[in-house]
Amino acid sequence: MSTEENIAVVVLAAGGSSRLGRPKQLVRFKGKTLLEHAMDNANILSFRTKILVLGANQDSIQEKIKTKGCKVVINNDWEKGMASSIKVGLAAALEDEAGLDHVLFLVSDQPFLEKSNLIKLVHTQLTKNPKATYSQYGDTIGVPAIFGKAAFQLLLKLEGDEGAKKLMHFEDFDFCTETFKKGGFDVDTEDDVKRLKQMDL
């Protein structure tokens, strides 16, 4: 990974897990919580700036996990949706590193994310220099995703439940994708947890 490019990683973990009824961040898989898996991925590459965005259940989450070198910021408006966490995370990254070139967003409920997925995203972003590079799983485009600084102001204007993939519908927004075969599996319900446990062998 280029040392000339200043990349921050932001782990979005502020949601209330309303469909699950308990913090999905603390669901365990292969001996770790899902949030710990996400933070391990954040630490795998040499990012200088690492931000963890918490919100709902933040006290119980911080009691049970170590933040592993990530700066923790709290999104008090987490109930307003994903856009609020994106903005809090990006603002914190820019506060830590004013010369930021790219920001990579991860979420805490993709248990099959691997280092290779992140390396592909970063490589494509740095070599092709689009405004963003998203992950693609099946017909879905989403996170993890990395954004160049040309997209920062657009990210800061998102509202409500708008995720960052909204930007790809803008007429002049050029983007790339990288395949993440298992990216479509996330943990939203108890049935998802049961399926995950069956894979935890």
Protein backbone atom coordinates (compact mmCIF):
# COMPACT_ATOMS: atom_id res chain seq x y z
CA MET A 1 0.00 0.00 0.00
CA SER A 2 1.36 3.40 -0.95
CA THR A 3 2.90 5.29 1.95
CA GLU A 4 2.37 8.51 -0.01
CA GLU A 5 -1.39 8.26 0.32
CA ASN A 6 -2.94 9.20 3.65
CA ILE A 7 -5.80 6.78 4.31
CA ALA A 8 -8.07 6.66 7.35
CA VAL A 9 -10.27 3.73 8.30
CA VAL A 10 -13.63 4.27 10.00
CA VAL A 11 -15.52 1.39 11.62
CA LEU A 12 -19.25 2.16 11.74
CA ALA A 13 -20.76 0.43 14.78
CA ALA A 14 -23.34 2.84 16.18
CA GLY A 15 -26.57 1.08 15.21
CA GLY A 16 -29.19 -0.09 17.66
CA SER A 17 -29.62 -3.64 16.25
CA SER A 18 -33.39 -3.23 16.52
CA ARG A 19 -34.22 -6.34 14.50
CA LEU A 20 -31.89 -8.49 16.58
CA GLY A 21 -32.95 -7.08 19.95
CA ARG A 22 -29.40 -7.07 21.36
CA PRO A 23 -26.13 -5.49 20.23
CA LYS A 24 -25.01 -7.26 17.07
CA GLN A 25 -21.56 -5.77 17.71
CA LEU A 26 -21.16 -8.27 20.58
CA VAL A 27 -22.31 -11.41 18.72
CA ARG A 28 -19.42 -13.88 18.86
CA PHE A 29 -17.87 -15.70 15.90
CA LYS A 30 -14.69 -17.76 15.94
CA GLY A 31 -13.84 -16.68 19.47
CA LYS A 32 -14.31 -12.94 18.97
CA THR A 33 -17.13 -10.45 18.81
CA LEU A 34 -18.12 -9.19 15.37
CA LEU A 35 -16.86 -5.75 16.32
CA GLU A 36 -13.47 -7.20 17.27
CA HIS A 37 -13.30 -8.88 13.87
CA ALA A 38 -13.96 -5.51 12.23
CA MET A 39 -11.31 -3.75 14.33
CA ASP A 40 -8.79 -6.50 13.58
CA ASN A 41 -9.35 -5.78 9.90
CA ALA A 42 -8.94 -2.06 10.56
CA ASN A 43 -5.58 -2.80 12.20
CA ILE A 44 -4.36 -5.20 9.51
CA LEU A 45 -3.16 -2.46 7.16
CA SER A 46 -0.95 0.46 8.11
CA PHE A 47 -3.59 3.15 8.48
CA ARG A 48 -2.38 6.08 10.55
CA THR A 49 -5.89 7.18 11.50
CA LYS A 50 -8.37 4.62 12.85
CA ILE A 51 -11.81 5.70 14.04
CA LEU A 52 -14.49 3.61 15.76
CA VAL A 53 -17.98 5.15 15.74
CA LEU A 54 -20.24 3.93 18.55
CA GLY A 55 -23.73 5.05 19.52
CA ALA A 56 -26.42 2.69 20.81
CA ASN A 57 -25.29 0.50 23.73
CA GLN A 58 -21.91 2.21 23.67
CA ASP A 59 -21.30 1.73 27.41
CA SER A 60 -21.88 -2.02 27.37
CA ILE A 61 -19.86 -2.39 24.16
CA GLN A 62 -16.87 -0.49 25.57
CA GLU A 63 -17.04 -2.55 28.76
CA LYS A 64 -16.67 -5.79 26.81
CA ILE A 65 -14.16 -4.99 24.08
CA LYS A 66 -10.77 -3.37 23.71
CA THR A 67 -10.66 -0.59 21.17
CA LYS A 68 -7.34 -1.86 19.75
CA GLY A 69 -5.78 1.42 18.77
CA CYS A 70 -8.95 2.96 17.34
CA LYS A 71 -10.05 6.40 18.47
CA VAL A 72 -13.60 6.05 19.77
CA VAL A 73 -16.13 8.72 18.85
CA ILE A 74 -19.76 8.68 19.90
CA ASN A 75 -22.64 9.38 17.52
CA ASN A 76 -25.37 10.70 19.79
CA ASP A 77 -27.69 10.96 16.79
CA TRP A 78 -27.34 7.28 15.81
CA GLU A 79 -31.14 6.90 15.69
CA LYS A 80 -31.21 9.25 12.69
CA GLY A 81 -29.56 6.59 10.54
CA MET A 82 -26.35 5.60 8.82
CA ALA A 83 -25.61 9.05 7.40
CA SER A 84 -25.06 10.47 10.87
CA SER A 85 -22.39 7.85 11.65
CA ILE A 86 -20.65 8.40 8.31
CA LYS A 87 -20.45 12.13 9.01
CA VAL A 88 -19.27 11.70 12.61
CA GLY A 89 -16.60 9.23 11.52
CA LEU A 90 -15.34 11.31 8.62
CA ALA A 91 -15.30 14.50 10.71
CA ALA A 92 -13.24 12.72 13.40
CA ALA A 93 -10.80 11.41 10.79
CA LEU A 94 -10.36 14.88 9.28
CA GLU A 95 -9.86 16.35 12.75
CA ASP A 96 -7.02 13.89 13.36
CA GLU A 97 -5.52 14.25 9.89
CA ALA A 98 -6.31 17.41 7.95
CA GLY A 99 -4.39 16.17 4.89
CA LEU A 100 -6.49 13.06 4.50
CA ASP A 101 -6.58 11.63 0.96
CA HIS A 102 -8.98 8.69 1.38
CA VAL A 103 -11.33 7.21 3.96
CA LEU A 104 -12.25 3.52 4.12
CA PHE A 105 -15.54 2.61 5.80
CA LEU A 106 -16.15 -0.77 7.46
CA VAL A 107 -19.20 -2.04 9.33
CA SER A 108 -19.28 -4.36 12.33
CA ASP A 109 -21.53 -7.12 11.01
CA GLN A 110 -19.69 -8.62 8.03
CA PRO A 111 -18.01 -11.63 9.66
CA PHE A 112 -16.37 -12.86 6.45
CA LEU A 113 -14.41 -9.73 5.66
CA GLU A 114 -10.75 -10.52 5.06
CA LYS A 115 -7.53 -8.62 4.56
CA SER A 116 -7.55 -9.48 0.85
CA ASN A 117 -10.87 -7.66 0.38
CA LEU A 118 -9.43 -4.46 1.81
CA ILE A 119 -6.19 -4.72 -0.15
CA LYS A 120 -8.16 -4.99 -3.42
CA LEU A 121 -10.29 -1.97 -2.54
CA VAL A 122 -7.30 0.17 -1.62
CA HIS A 123 -5.29 -0.95 -4.65
CA THR A 124 -8.10 -0.11 -7.07
CA GLN A 125 -8.71 3.26 -5.41
CA LEU A 126 -5.05 4.24 -5.54
CA THR A 127 -4.35 3.01 -9.07
CA LYS A 128 -7.54 4.09 -10.85
CA ASN A 129 -8.27 7.14 -8.66
CA PRO A 130 -12.08 7.20 -8.86
CA LYS A 131 -14.11 9.15 -6.33
CA ALA A 132 -14.90 5.82 -4.63
CA THR A 133 -14.40 2.08 -4.79
CA TYR A 134 -17.21 -0.07 -3.41
CA SER A 135 -17.53 -3.76 -2.63
CA GLN A 136 -19.90 -5.79 -4.77
CA TYR A 137 -21.71 -8.94 -3.67
CA GLY A 138 -24.21 -10.37 -6.11
CA ASP A 139 -26.36 -7.52 -7.36
CA THR A 140 -25.56 -5.36 -4.33
CA ILE A 141 -22.95 -2.63 -4.11
CA GLY A 142 -21.96 -1.46 -0.64
CA VAL A 143 -19.40 -1.58 2.15
CA PRO A 144 -16.55 -1.88 2.72
CA ALA A 145 -15.96 1.13 0.52
CA ILE A 146 -13.18 3.66 0.16
CA PHE A 147 -13.66 7.30 -0.86
CA GLY A 148 -11.23 9.87 -2.19
CA LYS A 149 -11.16 13.40 -0.84
CA ALA A 150 -13.18 14.60 -3.84
CA ALA A 151 -16.13 12.77 -2.25
CA PHE A 152 -15.72 14.06 1.31
CA GLN A 153 -18.09 17.02 1.00
CA LEU A 154 -20.72 14.79 -0.60
CA LEU A 155 -20.42 12.35 2.30
CA LEU A 156 -20.85 15.18 4.79
CA LYS A 157 -24.14 16.15 3.11
CA LEU A 158 -25.81 12.73 3.48
CA GLU A 159 -28.97 12.64 5.59
CA GLY A 160 -31.02 10.06 7.51
CA ASP A 161 -30.76 6.45 6.38
CA GLU A 162 -28.83 7.40 3.27
CA GLY A 163 -25.75 5.25 2.93
CA ALA A 164 -22.71 6.28 0.96
CA LYS A 165 -23.81 4.23 -2.04
CA LYS A 166 -26.31 7.00 -2.78
CA LEU A 167 -23.39 8.94 -4.25
CA MET A 168 -22.89 6.51 -7.10
CA HIS A 169 -26.21 7.67 -8.59
CA PHE A 170 -24.89 11.20 -9.03
CA GLU A 171 -24.24 12.00 -12.68
CA ASP A 172 -20.59 12.97 -12.36
CA PHE A 173 -19.65 10.49 -9.63
CA ASP A 174 -17.15 7.99 -11.05
CA PHE A 175 -16.59 4.82 -9.04
CA CYS A 176 -15.14 1.32 -9.23
CA THR A 177 -16.14 -1.97 -7.59
CA GLU A 178 -14.31 -5.00 -6.24
CA THR A 179 -15.95 -8.39 -5.64
CA PHE A 180 -16.50 -9.48 -2.02
CA LYS A 181 -18.19 -12.85 -2.45
CA LYS A 182 -19.41 -13.26 1.12
CA GLY A 183 -20.16 -9.59 1.72
CA GLY A 184 -23.89 -10.14 1.49
CA PHE A 185 -23.98 -12.08 4.75
CA ASP A 186 -24.59 -9.74 7.64
CA VAL A 187 -26.18 -10.18 11.05
CA ASP A 188 -29.59 -8.57 11.47
CA THR A 189 -31.78 -11.26 13.07
CA GLU A 190 -31.55 -14.26 15.40
CA ASP A 191 -31.85 -16.49 12.32
CA ASP A 192 -28.70 -14.84 10.97
CA VAL A 193 -26.96 -15.54 14.29
CA LYS A 194 -28.01 -19.20 14.14
CA ARG A 195 -26.68 -19.50 10.59
CA LEU A 196 -23.44 -17.86 11.68
CA LYS A 197 -23.05 -20.26 14.62
CA GLN A 198 -23.45 -23.19 12.25
CA MET A 199 -20.47 -21.85 10.29
CA ASP A 200 -18.39 -21.36 13.44
CA LEU A 201 -16.67 -24.72 13.19
